[in-house]
Structure formats: C-alpha cells, structure tokens
Amino acid sequence: MLSFAMISGEGATRAVIADARSLAESLPPGRSRDELLQLGDEAEAYVNQLADLCHKGMVRWLYSHAGIWLYD
C-alpha cells in the first residue's frame, strides 16, 4: 500500500505549514496574522484528510479519478 508520505511528501507539507505558523506568530496581532493562522489550520485539515484516505487505501481511487497514474 502506498502512503501519503511516499506520494506527495507529507512531512515536507507539514513542515511548510509549521513554517507558515511560525511566521504568523511573529506578526503583530491583526488581520494578516489571523488569516495566515487560519490558512495553516485549513491546510493541515486537508493534509490530515488526504493522509486518512491514503491509510484507508482510497488514494488509488482518488488519483485514478483525477487522471493521475501511480506506479509501485
């Protein structure tokens, strides 16, 4: 079974999200900070959803319906 980490770099994606959160925390309170933190939360939710689908073996179905072919 393929894992999300093997397909798209789950660890790298989570690292980018962590960097965005660190950047947001360094900003003064305000709209930009709040928006960046919200985007980080949304991105993390999507990563978690994709990782869960991969764990359930749904990744091949998702990719095949998107016209993306995976090779072992």
PDB file of N, CA and C in Angstrom:
ATOM      1  N   MET A   1       0.846  -1.179   0.000  1.00  0.00           N
ATOM      2  CA  MET A   1       0.000   0.000   0.000  1.00  0.00           C
ATOM      3  C   MET A   1       0.889   1.240   0.000  1.00  0.00           C
ATOM      4  N   LEU A   2       0.504   2.208  -0.804  1.00  0.00           N
ATOM      5  CA  LEU A   2       1.239   3.466  -0.854  1.00  0.00           C
ATOM      6  C   LEU A   2       0.816   4.356   0.301  1.00  0.00           C
ATOM      7  N   SER A   3       1.752   5.126   0.792  1.00  0.00           N
ATOM      8  CA  SER A   3       1.421   6.063   1.860  1.00  0.00           C
ATOM      9  C   SER A   3       1.496   7.483   1.321  1.00  0.00           C
ATOM     10  N   PHE A   4       0.818   8.400   1.981  1.00  0.00           N
ATOM     11  CA  PHE A   4       0.836   9.802   1.595  1.00  0.00           C
ATOM     12  C   PHE A   4       2.261  10.322   1.586  1.00  0.00           C
ATOM     13  N   ALA A   5       3.069   9.883   2.536  1.00  0.00           N
ATOM     14  CA  ALA A   5       4.459  10.335   2.615  1.00  0.00           C
ATOM     15  C   ALA A   5       5.216   9.956   1.350  1.00  0.00           C
ATOM     16  N   MET A   6       4.935   8.789   0.799  1.00  0.00           N
ATOM     17  CA  MET A   6       5.633   8.340  -0.404  1.00  0.00           C
ATOM     18  C   MET A   6       5.137   9.089  -1.638  1.00  0.00           C
ATOM     19  N   ILE A   7       3.880   9.472  -1.656  1.00  0.00           N
ATOM     20  CA  ILE A   7       3.297  10.071  -2.844  1.00  0.00           C
ATOM     21  C   ILE A   7       3.603  11.562  -2.955  1.00  0.00           C
ATOM     22  N   SER A   8       3.411  12.306  -1.887  1.00  0.00           N
ATOM     23  CA  SER A   8       3.478  13.751  -2.040  1.00  0.00           C
ATOM     24  C   SER A   8       4.332  14.479  -1.011  1.00  0.00           C
ATOM     25  N   GLY A   9       5.033  13.759  -0.199  1.00  0.00           N
ATOM     26  CA  GLY A   9       5.872  14.432   0.781  1.00  0.00           C
ATOM     27  C   GLY A   9       5.086  15.015   1.939  1.00  0.00           C
ATOM     28  N   GLU A  10       4.371  14.161   2.632  1.00  0.00           N
ATOM     29  CA  GLU A  10       3.572  14.627   3.773  1.00  0.00           C
ATOM     30  C   GLU A  10       4.421  15.401   4.769  1.00  0.00           C
ATOM     31  N   GLY A  11       5.596  14.888   5.073  1.00  0.00           N
ATOM     32  CA  GLY A  11       6.466  15.567   6.031  1.00  0.00           C
ATOM     33  C   GLY A  11       6.859  16.955   5.570  1.00  0.00           C
ATOM     34  N   ALA A  12       7.167  17.088   4.285  1.00  0.00           N
ATOM     35  CA  ALA A  12       7.533  18.397   3.739  1.00  0.00           C
ATOM     36  C   ALA A  12       6.351  19.356   3.789  1.00  0.00           C
ATOM     37  N   THR A  13       5.169  18.837   3.492  1.00  0.00           N
ATOM     38  CA  THR A  13       3.964  19.675   3.539  1.00  0.00           C
ATOM     39  C   THR A  13       3.707  20.162   4.959  1.00  0.00           C
ATOM     40  N   ARG A  14       3.847  19.262   5.908  1.00  0.00           N
ATOM     41  CA  ARG A  14       3.641  19.661   7.303  1.00  0.00           C
ATOM     42  C   ARG A  14       4.717  20.651   7.770  1.00  0.00           C
ATOM     43  N   ALA A  15       5.929  20.519   7.245  1.00  0.00           N
ATOM     44  CA  ALA A  15       6.994  21.463   7.594  1.00  0.00           C
ATOM     45  C   ALA A  15       6.686  22.862   7.062  1.00  0.00           C
ATOM     46  N   VAL A  16       6.150  22.940   5.859  1.00  0.00           N
ATOM     47  CA  VAL A  16       5.769  24.241   5.292  1.00  0.00           C
ATOM     48  C   VAL A  16       4.662  24.875   6.135  1.00  0.00           C
ATOM     49  N   ILE A  17       3.704  24.066   6.552  1.00  0.00           N
ATOM     50  CA  ILE A  17       2.620  24.580   7.400  1.00  0.00           C
ATOM     51  C   ILE A  17       3.180  25.089   8.728  1.00  0.00           C
ATOM     52  N   ALA A  18       4.106  24.353   9.304  1.00  0.00           N
ATOM     53  CA  ALA A  18       4.727  24.783  10.565  1.00  0.00           C
ATOM     54  C   ALA A  18       5.493  26.093  10.377  1.00  0.00           C
ATOM     55  N   ASP A  19       6.200  26.220   9.255  1.00  0.00           N
ATOM     56  CA  ASP A  19       6.918  27.474   8.973  1.00  0.00           C
ATOM     57  C   ASP A  19       5.948  28.642   8.822  1.00  0.00           C
ATOM     58  N   ALA A  20       4.833  28.404   8.163  1.00  0.00           N
ATOM     59  CA  ALA A  20       3.828  29.464   7.994  1.00  0.00           C
ATOM     60  C   ALA A  20       3.264  29.888   9.343  1.00  0.00           C
ATOM     61  N   ARG A  21       3.047  28.925  10.211  1.00  0.00           N
ATOM     62  CA  ARG A  21       2.541  29.251  11.549  1.00  0.00           C
ATOM     63  C   ARG A  21       3.578  30.047  12.352  1.00  0.00           C
ATOM     64  N   SER A  22       4.843  29.662  12.215  1.00  0.00           N
ATOM     65  CA  SER A  22       5.903  30.403  12.911  1.00  0.00           C
ATOM     66  C   SER A  22       5.966  31.841  12.421  1.00  0.00           C
ATOM     67  N   LEU A  23       5.845  31.989  11.115  1.00  0.00           N
ATOM     68  CA  LEU A  23       5.838  33.332  10.535  1.00  0.00           C
ATOM     69  C   LEU A  23       4.646  34.121  11.056  1.00  0.00           C
ATOM     70  N   ALA A  24       3.487  33.491  11.078  1.00  0.00           N
ATOM     71  CA  ALA A  24       2.283  34.173  11.561  1.00  0.00           C
ATOM     72  C   ALA A  24       2.433  34.605  13.016  1.00  0.00           C
ATOM     73  N   GLU A  25       3.022  33.746  13.830  1.00  0.00           N
ATOM     74  CA  GLU A  25       3.206  34.075  15.242  1.00  0.00           C
ATOM     75  C   GLU A  25       4.149  35.264  15.429  1.00  0.00           C
ATOM     76  N   SER A  26       5.028  35.490  14.454  1.00  0.00           N
ATOM     77  CA  SER A  26       5.963  36.611  14.569  1.00  0.00           C
ATOM     78  C   SER A  26       5.341  37.939  14.135  1.00  0.00           C
ATOM     79  N   LEU A  27       4.173  37.869  13.508  1.00  0.00           N
ATOM     80  CA  LEU A  27       3.499  39.092  13.067  1.00  0.00           C
ATOM     81  C   LEU A  27       2.765  39.741  14.235  1.00  0.00           C
ATOM     82  N   PRO A  28       2.588  41.050  14.164  1.00  0.00           N
ATOM     83  CA  PRO A  28       1.783  41.699  15.205  1.00  0.00           C
ATOM     84  C   PRO A  28       0.322  41.265  15.073  1.00  0.00           C
ATOM     85  N   PRO A  29      -0.406  41.291  16.175  1.00  0.00           N
ATOM     86  CA  PRO A  29      -1.821  40.917  16.099  1.00  0.00           C
ATOM     87  C   PRO A  29      -2.540  41.735  15.039  1.00  0.00           C
ATOM     88  N   GLY A  30      -3.410  41.059  14.297  1.00  0.00           N
ATOM     89  CA  GLY A  30      -4.156  41.746  13.248  1.00  0.00           C
ATOM     90  C   GLY A  30      -4.662  40.773  12.206  1.00  0.00           C
ATOM     91  N   ARG A  31      -5.197  41.367  11.155  1.00  0.00           N
ATOM     92  CA  ARG A  31      -5.851  40.584  10.113  1.00  0.00           C
ATOM     93  C   ARG A  31      -4.889  39.634   9.397  1.00  0.00           C
ATOM     94  N   SER A  32      -3.707  40.105   9.028  1.00  0.00           N
ATOM     95  CA  SER A  32      -2.757  39.255   8.297  1.00  0.00           C
ATOM     96  C   SER A  32      -2.357  38.043   9.121  1.00  0.00           C
ATOM     97  N   ARG A  33      -2.088  38.274  10.388  1.00  0.00           N
ATOM     98  CA  ARG A  33      -1.709  37.168  11.271  1.00  0.00           C
ATOM     99  C   ARG A  33      -2.844  36.157  11.376  1.00  0.00           C
ATOM    100  N   ASP A  34      -4.046  36.650  11.610  1.00  0.00           N
ATOM    101  CA  ASP A  34      -5.204  35.770  11.748  1.00  0.00           C
ATOM    102  C   ASP A  34      -5.460  34.968  10.478  1.00  0.00           C
ATOM    103  N   GLU A  35      -5.328  35.631   9.318  1.00  0.00           N
ATOM    104  CA  GLU A  35      -5.558  34.947   8.042  1.00  0.00           C
ATOM    105  C   GLU A  35      -4.510  33.861   7.806  1.00  0.00           C
ATOM    106  N   LEU A  36      -3.258  34.140   8.114  1.00  0.00           N
ATOM    107  CA  LEU A  36      -2.199  33.157   7.913  1.00  0.00           C
ATOM    108  C   LEU A  36      -2.378  31.962   8.845  1.00  0.00           C
ATOM    109  N   LEU A  37      -2.759  32.223  10.086  1.00  0.00           N
ATOM    110  CA  LEU A  37      -3.027  31.123  11.011  1.00  0.00           C
ATOM    111  C   LEU A  37      -4.219  30.283  10.539  1.00  0.00           C
ATOM    112  N   GLN A  38      -5.245  30.935  10.019  1.00  0.00           N
ATOM    113  CA  GLN A  38      -6.423  30.216   9.507  1.00  0.00           C
ATOM    114  C   GLN A  38      -6.055  29.357   8.298  1.00  0.00           C
ATOM    115  N   LEU A  39      -5.233  29.897   7.410  1.00  0.00           N
ATOM    116  CA  LEU A  39      -4.787  29.122   6.249  1.00  0.00           C
ATOM    117  C   LEU A  39      -3.979  27.903   6.681  1.00  0.00           C
ATOM    118  N   GLY A  40      -3.165  28.055   7.698  1.00  0.00           N
ATOM    119  CA  GLY A  40      -2.408  26.926   8.227  1.00  0.00           C
ATOM    120  C   GLY A  40      -3.328  25.843   8.769  1.00  0.00           C
ATOM    121  N   ASP A  41      -4.371  26.259   9.480  1.00  0.00           N
ATOM    122  CA  ASP A  41      -5.346  25.299  10.003  1.00  0.00           C
ATOM    123  C   ASP A  41      -6.063  24.566   8.872  1.00  0.00           C
ATOM    124  N   GLU A  42      -6.460  25.310   7.840  1.00  0.00           N
ATOM    125  CA  GLU A  42      -7.148  24.694   6.704  1.00  0.00           C
ATOM    126  C   GLU A  42      -6.228  23.724   5.961  1.00  0.00           C
ATOM    127  N   ALA A  43      -4.993  24.132   5.744  1.00  0.00           N
ATOM    128  CA  ALA A  43      -4.041  23.273   5.043  1.00  0.00           C
ATOM    129  C   ALA A  43      -3.788  21.999   5.833  1.00  0.00           C
ATOM    130  N   GLU A  44      -3.650  22.128   7.147  1.00  0.00           N
ATOM    131  CA  GLU A  44      -3.430  20.953   7.985  1.00  0.00           C
ATOM    132  C   GLU A  44      -4.626  20.003   7.923  1.00  0.00           C
ATOM    133  N   ALA A  45      -5.824  20.556   7.895  1.00  0.00           N
ATOM    134  CA  ALA A  45      -7.024  19.719   7.797  1.00  0.00           C
ATOM    135  C   ALA A  45      -7.022  18.933   6.490  1.00  0.00           C
ATOM    136  N   TYR A  46      -6.616  19.571   5.388  1.00  0.00           N
ATOM    137  CA  TYR A  46      -6.552  18.877   4.101  1.00  0.00           C
ATOM    138  C   TYR A  46      -5.482  17.785   4.110  1.00  0.00           C
ATOM    139  N   VAL A  47      -4.342  18.080   4.700  1.00  0.00           N
ATOM    140  CA  VAL A  47      -3.273  17.077   4.795  1.00  0.00           C
ATOM    141  C   VAL A  47      -3.760  15.887   5.618  1.00  0.00           C
ATOM    142  N   ASN A  48      -4.438  16.165   6.712  1.00  0.00           N
ATOM    143  CA  ASN A  48      -4.954  15.083   7.559  1.00  0.00           C
ATOM    144  C   ASN A  48      -5.992  14.244   6.819  1.00  0.00           C
ATOM    145  N   GLN A  49      -6.854  14.901   6.050  1.00  0.00           N
ATOM    146  CA  GLN A  49      -7.866  14.176   5.283  1.00  0.00           C
ATOM    147  C   GLN A  49      -7.223  13.272   4.242  1.00  0.00           C
ATOM    148  N   LEU A  50      -6.235  13.795   3.513  1.00  0.00           N
ATOM    149  CA  LEU A  50      -5.570  13.002   2.493  1.00  0.00           C
ATOM    150  C   LEU A  50      -4.807  11.837   3.119  1.00  0.00           C
ATOM    151  N   ALA A  51      -4.132  12.086   4.227  1.00  0.00           N
ATOM    152  CA  ALA A  51      -3.414  11.013   4.910  1.00  0.00           C
ATOM    153  C   ALA A  51      -4.382   9.926   5.376  1.00  0.00           C
ATOM    154  N   ASP A  52      -5.548  10.326   5.859  1.00  0.00           N
ATOM    155  CA  ASP A  52      -6.551   9.361   6.303  1.00  0.00           C
ATOM    156  C   ASP A  52      -7.064   8.530   5.127  1.00  0.00           C
ATOM    157  N   LEU A  53      -7.328   9.182   4.000  1.00  0.00           N
ATOM    158  CA  LEU A  53      -7.780   8.455   2.819  1.00  0.00           C
ATOM    159  C   LEU A  53      -6.718   7.479   2.327  1.00  0.00           C
ATOM    160  N   CYS A  54      -5.473   7.901   2.372  1.00  0.00           N
ATOM    161  CA  CYS A  54      -4.379   7.010   1.969  1.00  0.00           C
ATOM    162  C   CYS A  54      -4.312   5.805   2.889  1.00  0.00           C
ATOM    163  N   HIS A  55      -4.474   6.061   4.172  1.00  0.00           N
ATOM    164  CA  HIS A  55      -4.439   4.973   5.147  1.00  0.00           C
ATOM    165  C   HIS A  55      -5.560   3.964   4.885  1.00  0.00           C
ATOM    166  N   LYS A  56      -6.688   4.453   4.423  1.00  0.00           N
ATOM    167  CA  LYS A  56      -7.836   3.592   4.133  1.00  0.00           C
ATOM    168  C   LYS A  56      -7.736   2.937   2.757  1.00  0.00           C
ATOM    169  N   GLY A  57      -6.674   3.230   2.012  1.00  0.00           N
ATOM    170  CA  GLY A  57      -6.498   2.635   0.694  1.00  0.00           C
ATOM    171  C   GLY A  57      -7.261   3.328  -0.411  1.00  0.00           C
ATOM    172  N   MET A  58      -7.715   4.530  -0.174  1.00  0.00           N
ATOM    173  CA  MET A  58      -8.516   5.263  -1.153  1.00  0.00           C
ATOM    174  C   MET A  58      -7.673   6.057  -2.147  1.00  0.00           C
ATOM    175  N   VAL A  59      -6.371   6.135  -1.927  1.00  0.00           N
ATOM    176  CA  VAL A  59      -5.554   7.027  -2.739  1.00  0.00           C
ATOM    177  C   VAL A  59      -5.555   6.615  -4.207  1.00  0.00           C
ATOM    178  N   ARG A  60      -5.500   5.334  -4.495  1.00  0.00           N
ATOM    179  CA  ARG A  60      -5.510   4.894  -5.896  1.00  0.00           C
ATOM    180  C   ARG A  60      -6.805   5.320  -6.583  1.00  0.00           C
ATOM    181  N   TRP A  61      -7.926   5.178  -5.877  1.00  0.00           N
ATOM    182  CA  TRP A  61      -9.207   5.586  -6.445  1.00  0.00           C
ATOM    183  C   TRP A  61      -9.221   7.096  -6.724  1.00  0.00           C
ATOM    184  N   LEU A  62      -8.751   7.881  -5.763  1.00  0.00           N
ATOM    185  CA  LEU A  62      -8.736   9.333  -5.937  1.00  0.00           C
ATOM    186  C   LEU A  62      -7.869   9.751  -7.118  1.00  0.00           C
ATOM    187  N   TYR A  63      -6.670   9.185  -7.180  1.00  0.00           N
ATOM    188  CA  TYR A  63      -5.755   9.548  -8.251  1.00  0.00           C
ATOM    189  C   TYR A  63      -6.256   9.064  -9.604  1.00  0.00           C
ATOM    190  N   SER A  64      -6.857   7.878  -9.666  1.00  0.00           N
ATOM    191  CA  SER A  64      -7.351   7.378 -10.943  1.00  0.00           C
ATOM    192  C   SER A  64      -8.485   8.254 -11.463  1.00  0.00           C
ATOM    193  N   HIS A  65      -9.328   8.746 -10.573  1.00  0.00           N
ATOM    194  CA  HIS A  65     -10.415   9.625 -10.987  1.00  0.00           C
ATOM    195  C   HIS A  65      -9.918  11.013 -11.375  1.00  0.00           C
ATOM    196  N   ALA A  66      -8.736  11.362 -10.915  1.00  0.00           N
ATOM    197  CA  ALA A  66      -8.140  12.657 -11.290  1.00  0.00           C
ATOM    198  C   ALA A  66      -7.274  12.498 -12.550  1.00  0.00           C
ATOM    199  N   GLY A  67      -7.167  11.271 -13.066  1.00  0.00           N
ATOM    200  CA  GLY A  67      -6.374  11.037 -14.262  1.00  0.00           C
ATOM    201  C   GLY A  67      -4.879  10.962 -13.997  1.00  0.00           C
ATOM    202  N   ILE A  68      -4.491  10.677 -12.761  1.00  0.00           N
ATOM    203  CA  ILE A  68      -3.089  10.569 -12.379  1.00  0.00           C
ATOM    204  C   ILE A  68      -2.777   9.094 -12.141  1.00  0.00           C
ATOM    205  N   TRP A  69      -1.767   8.589 -12.799  1.00  0.00           N
ATOM    206  CA  TRP A  69      -1.427   7.171 -12.669  1.00  0.00           C
ATOM    207  C   TRP A  69      -0.276   7.013 -11.694  1.00  0.00           C
ATOM    208  N   LEU A  70      -0.416   6.056 -10.787  1.00  0.00           N
ATOM    209  CA  LEU A  70       0.604   5.764  -9.790  1.00  0.00           C
ATOM    210  C   LEU A  70       1.286   4.458 -10.155  1.00  0.00           C
ATOM    211  N   TYR A  71       2.564   4.405  -9.924  1.00  0.00           N
ATOM    212  CA  TYR A  71       3.327   3.185 -10.178  1.00  0.00           C
ATOM    213  C   TYR A  71       4.032   2.766  -8.901  1.00  0.00           C
ATOM    214  N   ASP A  72       3.999   1.496  -8.580  1.00  0.00           N
ATOM    215  CA  ASP A  72       4.705   0.981  -7.404  1.00  0.00           C
ATOM    216  C   ASP A  72       6.164   0.790  -7.721  1.00  0.00           C
TER     217      ASP A  72
END
